[in-house]
């Protein structure tokens, strides 16, 4: 982990505004996707303190999304939410979980930016472009499958 605590705080101060913009976009998308996500789903804390705590936030978000089991793709809380949420079914829960995962990715990119050697890849800049596109995709209505062309295949 290159750098000192003061260097981390300085880099975090430069990175935090981008994270705040991304967080606002993600929270707005969650509000669009689900009428009451906080009450219905296992939503993690999505605050962004003014001091550098991104490593802890990354760990907390990972625990919320993936759970303690090695190789687990989904935490037990999110798995239960698929069956208990009455706001649009599993697709709504999947959308909100994917939006939460976007926040996890943004925080991890910010952490990498703060802790990386100066001049290394700055993933947070890429997130500014990628996350709005991913949000638009997640909130877009499903497109119907194209109609088959030509006669059906013989069996």
C-alpha atoms as a PDB file:
ATOM      1  CA  UNK A   1       0.000   0.000   0.000  1.00  0.00           C
ATOM      2  CA  UNK A   2       2.161   2.919  -1.218  1.00  0.00           C
ATOM      3  CA  UNK A   3       1.885   6.277   0.431  1.00  0.00           C
ATOM      4  CA  UNK A   4       1.246   7.646   3.857  1.00  0.00           C
ATOM      5  CA  UNK A   5      -2.000   8.288   5.654  1.00  0.00           C
ATOM      6  CA  UNK A   6      -1.797  11.974   4.714  1.00  0.00           C
ATOM      7  CA  UNK A   7      -1.187  11.065   1.058  1.00  0.00           C
ATOM      8  CA  UNK A   8      -4.243   8.800   1.191  1.00  0.00           C
ATOM      9  CA  UNK A   9      -6.351  11.596   2.676  1.00  0.00           C
ATOM     10  CA  UNK A  10      -5.165  14.009  -0.036  1.00  0.00           C
ATOM     11  CA  UNK A  11      -5.932  11.560  -2.842  1.00  0.00           C
ATOM     12  CA  UNK A  12      -9.254  10.673  -1.239  1.00  0.00           C
ATOM     13  CA  UNK A  13     -10.186  14.364  -1.087  1.00  0.00           C
ATOM     14  CA  UNK A  14      -9.602  14.506  -4.876  1.00  0.00           C
ATOM     15  CA  UNK A  15     -11.515  11.257  -5.505  1.00  0.00           C
ATOM     16  CA  UNK A  16     -14.469  11.840  -3.153  1.00  0.00           C
ATOM     17  CA  UNK A  17     -16.379  14.306  -5.402  1.00  0.00           C
ATOM     18  CA  UNK A  18     -16.484  11.713  -8.196  1.00  0.00           C
ATOM     19  CA  UNK A  19     -17.673   9.043  -5.767  1.00  0.00           C
ATOM     20  CA  UNK A  20     -20.390  11.382  -4.477  1.00  0.00           C
ATOM     21  CA  UNK A  21     -21.679  11.991  -8.018  1.00  0.00           C
ATOM     22  CA  UNK A  22     -21.693   8.253  -8.765  1.00  0.00           C
ATOM     23  CA  UNK A  23     -23.390   7.497  -5.456  1.00  0.00           C
ATOM     24  CA  UNK A  24     -26.154  10.025  -6.183  1.00  0.00           C
ATOM     25  CA  UNK A  25     -26.729   8.478  -9.626  1.00  0.00           C
ATOM     26  CA  UNK A  26     -26.899   4.981  -8.124  1.00  0.00           C
ATOM     27  CA  UNK A  27     -29.205   6.002  -5.251  1.00  0.00           C
ATOM     28  CA  UNK A  28     -31.536   7.771  -7.708  1.00  0.00           C
ATOM     29  CA  UNK A  29     -31.588   4.625  -9.845  1.00  0.00           C
ATOM     30  CA  UNK A  30     -32.394   2.480  -6.802  1.00  0.00           C
ATOM     31  CA  UNK A  31     -35.279   4.819  -5.941  1.00  0.00           C
ATOM     32  CA  UNK A  32     -36.531   4.475  -9.519  1.00  0.00           C
ATOM     33  CA  UNK A  33     -36.260   0.682  -9.513  1.00  0.00           C
ATOM     34  CA  UNK A  34     -37.841   0.027  -6.103  1.00  0.00           C
ATOM     35  CA  UNK A  35     -40.364   2.152  -4.165  1.00  0.00           C
ATOM     36  CA  UNK A  36     -38.930   1.307  -0.720  1.00  0.00           C
ATOM     37  CA  UNK A  37     -35.636  -0.543  -1.056  1.00  0.00           C
ATOM     38  CA  UNK A  38     -34.362   0.358   2.433  1.00  0.00           C
ATOM     39  CA  UNK A  39     -37.360  -1.228   4.161  1.00  0.00           C
ATOM     40  CA  UNK A  40     -37.696  -4.238   1.887  1.00  0.00           C
ATOM     41  CA  UNK A  41     -34.175  -5.267   0.861  1.00  0.00           C
ATOM     42  CA  UNK A  42     -30.866  -5.843   2.682  1.00  0.00           C
ATOM     43  CA  UNK A  43     -29.492  -2.473   1.623  1.00  0.00           C
ATOM     44  CA  UNK A  44     -26.009  -1.651   2.903  1.00  0.00           C
ATOM     45  CA  UNK A  45     -24.977   1.685   4.315  1.00  0.00           C
ATOM     46  CA  UNK A  46     -24.085   3.830   1.301  1.00  0.00           C
ATOM     47  CA  UNK A  47     -22.695   6.814   3.165  1.00  0.00           C
ATOM     48  CA  UNK A  48     -19.345   8.239   2.146  1.00  0.00           C
ATOM     49  CA  UNK A  49     -17.527   9.795   5.120  1.00  0.00           C
ATOM     50  CA  UNK A  50     -15.222  12.776   4.653  1.00  0.00           C
ATOM     51  CA  UNK A  51     -12.231  10.794   5.919  1.00  0.00           C
ATOM     52  CA  UNK A  52     -10.566   7.912   4.103  1.00  0.00           C
ATOM     53  CA  UNK A  53     -12.415   4.717   5.083  1.00  0.00           C
ATOM     54  CA  UNK A  54     -12.760   3.071   1.658  1.00  0.00           C
ATOM     55  CA  UNK A  55     -11.089  -0.224   2.723  1.00  0.00           C
ATOM     56  CA  UNK A  56     -13.742  -0.717   5.430  1.00  0.00           C
ATOM     57  CA  UNK A  57     -16.549   0.326   3.099  1.00  0.00           C
ATOM     58  CA  UNK A  58     -15.300  -2.183   0.491  1.00  0.00           C
ATOM     59  CA  UNK A  59     -15.266  -4.987   3.080  1.00  0.00           C
ATOM     60  CA  UNK A  60     -18.752  -4.078   4.366  1.00  0.00           C
ATOM     61  CA  UNK A  61     -20.230  -3.921   0.855  1.00  0.00           C
ATOM     62  CA  UNK A  62     -18.602  -7.231  -0.071  1.00  0.00           C
ATOM     63  CA  UNK A  63     -20.069  -8.874   3.036  1.00  0.00           C
ATOM     64  CA  UNK A  64     -23.509  -7.480   2.204  1.00  0.00           C
ATOM     65  CA  UNK A  65     -23.475  -8.613  -1.406  1.00  0.00           C
ATOM     66  CA  UNK A  66     -21.655 -11.917  -1.270  1.00  0.00           C
ATOM     67  CA  UNK A  67     -21.836 -13.240   2.265  1.00  0.00           C
ATOM     68  CA  UNK A  68     -19.233 -15.134   4.255  1.00  0.00           C
ATOM     69  CA  UNK A  69     -19.014 -18.379   2.268  1.00  0.00           C
ATOM     70  CA  UNK A  70     -16.040 -18.654  -0.038  1.00  0.00           C
ATOM     71  CA  UNK A  71     -17.199 -18.600  -3.637  1.00  0.00           C
ATOM     72  CA  UNK A  72     -20.708 -17.458  -2.687  1.00  0.00           C
ATOM     73  CA  UNK A  73     -22.187 -15.407  -5.499  1.00  0.00           C
ATOM     74  CA  UNK A  74     -24.963 -13.998  -3.355  1.00  0.00           C
ATOM     75  CA  UNK A  75     -25.441 -13.362   0.344  1.00  0.00           C
ATOM     76  CA  UNK A  76     -28.195 -15.213   2.171  1.00  0.00           C
ATOM     77  CA  UNK A  77     -29.966 -11.891   2.838  1.00  0.00           C
ATOM     78  CA  UNK A  78     -30.181 -11.056  -0.856  1.00  0.00           C
ATOM     79  CA  UNK A  79     -31.218 -14.632  -1.654  1.00  0.00           C
ATOM     80  CA  UNK A  80     -34.107 -14.360   0.848  1.00  0.00           C
ATOM     81  CA  UNK A  81     -35.110 -10.989  -0.599  1.00  0.00           C
ATOM     82  CA  UNK A  82     -35.865 -12.689  -3.929  1.00  0.00           C
ATOM     83  CA  UNK A  83     -38.696 -14.544  -2.202  1.00  0.00           C
ATOM     84  CA  UNK A  84     -39.925 -11.865   0.192  1.00  0.00           C
ATOM     85  CA  UNK A  85     -39.952  -8.643  -1.841  1.00  0.00           C
ATOM     86  CA  UNK A  86     -43.401  -7.882  -3.211  1.00  0.00           C
ATOM     87  CA  UNK A  87     -42.349  -4.887  -5.341  1.00  0.00           C
ATOM     88  CA  UNK A  88     -41.998  -6.234  -8.850  1.00  0.00           C
ATOM     89  CA  UNK A  89     -40.636  -9.665  -8.084  1.00  0.00           C
ATOM     90  CA  UNK A  90     -37.174 -11.101  -8.506  1.00  0.00           C
ATOM     91  CA  UNK A  91     -36.288  -8.833 -11.424  1.00  0.00           C
ATOM     92  CA  UNK A  92     -36.644  -5.750  -9.213  1.00  0.00           C
ATOM     93  CA  UNK A  93     -34.477  -7.322  -6.513  1.00  0.00           C
ATOM     94  CA  UNK A  94     -31.849  -8.287  -9.102  1.00  0.00           C
ATOM     95  CA  UNK A  95     -31.827  -4.728 -10.461  1.00  0.00           C
ATOM     96  CA  UNK A  96     -31.349  -3.183  -7.008  1.00  0.00           C
ATOM     97  CA  UNK A  97     -28.672  -5.733  -6.123  1.00  0.00           C
ATOM     98  CA  UNK A  98     -26.836  -4.944  -9.374  1.00  0.00           C
ATOM     99  CA  UNK A  99     -27.083  -1.213  -8.632  1.00  0.00           C
ATOM    100  CA  UNK A 100     -25.654  -1.866  -5.167  1.00  0.00           C
ATOM    101  CA  UNK A 101     -22.873  -3.850  -6.823  1.00  0.00           C
ATOM    102  CA  UNK A 102     -22.133  -0.796  -8.983  1.00  0.00           C
ATOM    103  CA  UNK A 103     -21.560   1.192  -5.797  1.00  0.00           C
ATOM    104  CA  UNK A 104     -19.216  -1.544  -4.563  1.00  0.00           C
ATOM    105  CA  UNK A 105     -17.284  -1.340  -7.844  1.00  0.00           C
ATOM    106  CA  UNK A 106     -17.064   2.455  -7.642  1.00  0.00           C
ATOM    107  CA  UNK A 107     -15.811   2.346  -4.046  1.00  0.00           C
ATOM    108  CA  UNK A 108     -13.214  -0.302  -4.934  1.00  0.00           C
ATOM    109  CA  UNK A 109     -12.063   1.798  -7.895  1.00  0.00           C
ATOM    110  CA  UNK A 110     -11.784   4.796  -5.575  1.00  0.00           C
ATOM    111  CA  UNK A 111      -9.817   2.741  -3.053  1.00  0.00           C
ATOM    112  CA  UNK A 112      -7.448   1.602  -5.771  1.00  0.00           C
ATOM    113  CA  UNK A 113      -7.014   5.202  -6.943  1.00  0.00           C
ATOM    114  CA  UNK A 114      -6.176   6.404  -3.445  1.00  0.00           C
ATOM    115  CA  UNK A 115      -3.801   3.565  -2.590  1.00  0.00           C
ATOM    116  CA  UNK A 116      -2.084   3.063  -5.954  1.00  0.00           C
ATOM    117  CA  UNK A 117       1.265   4.546  -6.820  1.00  0.00           C
ATOM    118  CA  UNK A 118       0.792   8.003  -8.291  1.00  0.00           C
ATOM    119  CA  UNK A 119       0.538   7.793 -12.073  1.00  0.00           C
ATOM    120  CA  UNK A 120      -0.858   4.260 -12.185  1.00  0.00           C
ATOM    121  CA  UNK A 121      -4.167   3.426 -13.804  1.00  0.00           C
ATOM    122  CA  UNK A 122      -7.011   5.614 -12.583  1.00  0.00           C
ATOM    123  CA  UNK A 123     -10.055   3.342 -12.719  1.00  0.00           C
ATOM    124  CA  UNK A 124     -12.335   5.893 -11.117  1.00  0.00           C
ATOM    125  CA  UNK A 125     -12.267   8.000 -14.297  1.00  0.00           C
ATOM    126  CA  UNK A 126     -13.555   5.020 -16.277  1.00  0.00           C
ATOM    127  CA  UNK A 127     -16.325   4.519 -13.743  1.00  0.00           C
ATOM    128  CA  UNK A 128     -17.631   8.024 -14.466  1.00  0.00           C
ATOM    129  CA  UNK A 129     -18.420   6.860 -17.986  1.00  0.00           C
ATOM    130  CA  UNK A 130     -19.307   3.209 -17.340  1.00  0.00           C
ATOM    131  CA  UNK A 131     -21.690   3.498 -14.396  1.00  0.00           C
ATOM    132  CA  UNK A 132     -24.271   5.837 -16.022  1.00  0.00           C
ATOM    133  CA  UNK A 133     -24.398   3.507 -19.045  1.00  0.00           C
ATOM    134  CA  UNK A 134     -24.877   0.470 -16.797  1.00  0.00           C
ATOM    135  CA  UNK A 135     -27.632   2.273 -14.853  1.00  0.00           C
ATOM    136  CA  UNK A 136     -29.448   3.093 -18.098  1.00  0.00           C
ATOM    137  CA  UNK A 137     -29.196  -0.546 -19.150  1.00  0.00           C
ATOM    138  CA  UNK A 138     -30.484  -1.848 -15.793  1.00  0.00           C
ATOM    139  CA  UNK A 139     -33.469   0.532 -15.775  1.00  0.00           C
ATOM    140  CA  UNK A 140     -34.407   0.066 -19.432  1.00  0.00           C
ATOM    141  CA  UNK A 141     -37.575  -1.929 -20.074  1.00  0.00           C
ATOM    142  CA  UNK A 142     -36.870  -5.421 -21.343  1.00  0.00           C
ATOM    143  CA  UNK A 143     -36.811  -5.693 -25.090  1.00  0.00           C
ATOM    144  CA  UNK A 144     -38.997  -8.394 -26.574  1.00  0.00           C
ATOM    145  CA  UNK A 145     -37.317 -11.254 -28.351  1.00  0.00           C
ATOM    146  CA  UNK A 146     -37.248 -10.774 -32.111  1.00  0.00           C
ATOM    147  CA  UNK A 147     -39.879 -12.621 -34.073  1.00  0.00           C
ATOM    148  CA  UNK A 148     -38.593 -15.689 -35.869  1.00  0.00           C
ATOM    149  CA  UNK A 149     -37.792 -15.166 -39.534  1.00  0.00           C
ATOM    150  CA  UNK A 150     -38.866 -17.754 -42.049  1.00  0.00           C
ATOM    151  CA  UNK A 151     -40.565 -21.063 -41.536  1.00  0.00           C
ATOM    152  CA  UNK A 152     -39.921 -23.093 -38.390  1.00  0.00           C
ATOM    153  CA  UNK A 153     -37.194 -25.712 -38.628  1.00  0.00           C
ATOM    154  CA  UNK A 154     -38.379 -29.226 -39.510  1.00  0.00           C
ATOM    155  CA  UNK A 155     -38.304 -31.807 -36.743  1.00  0.00           C
END
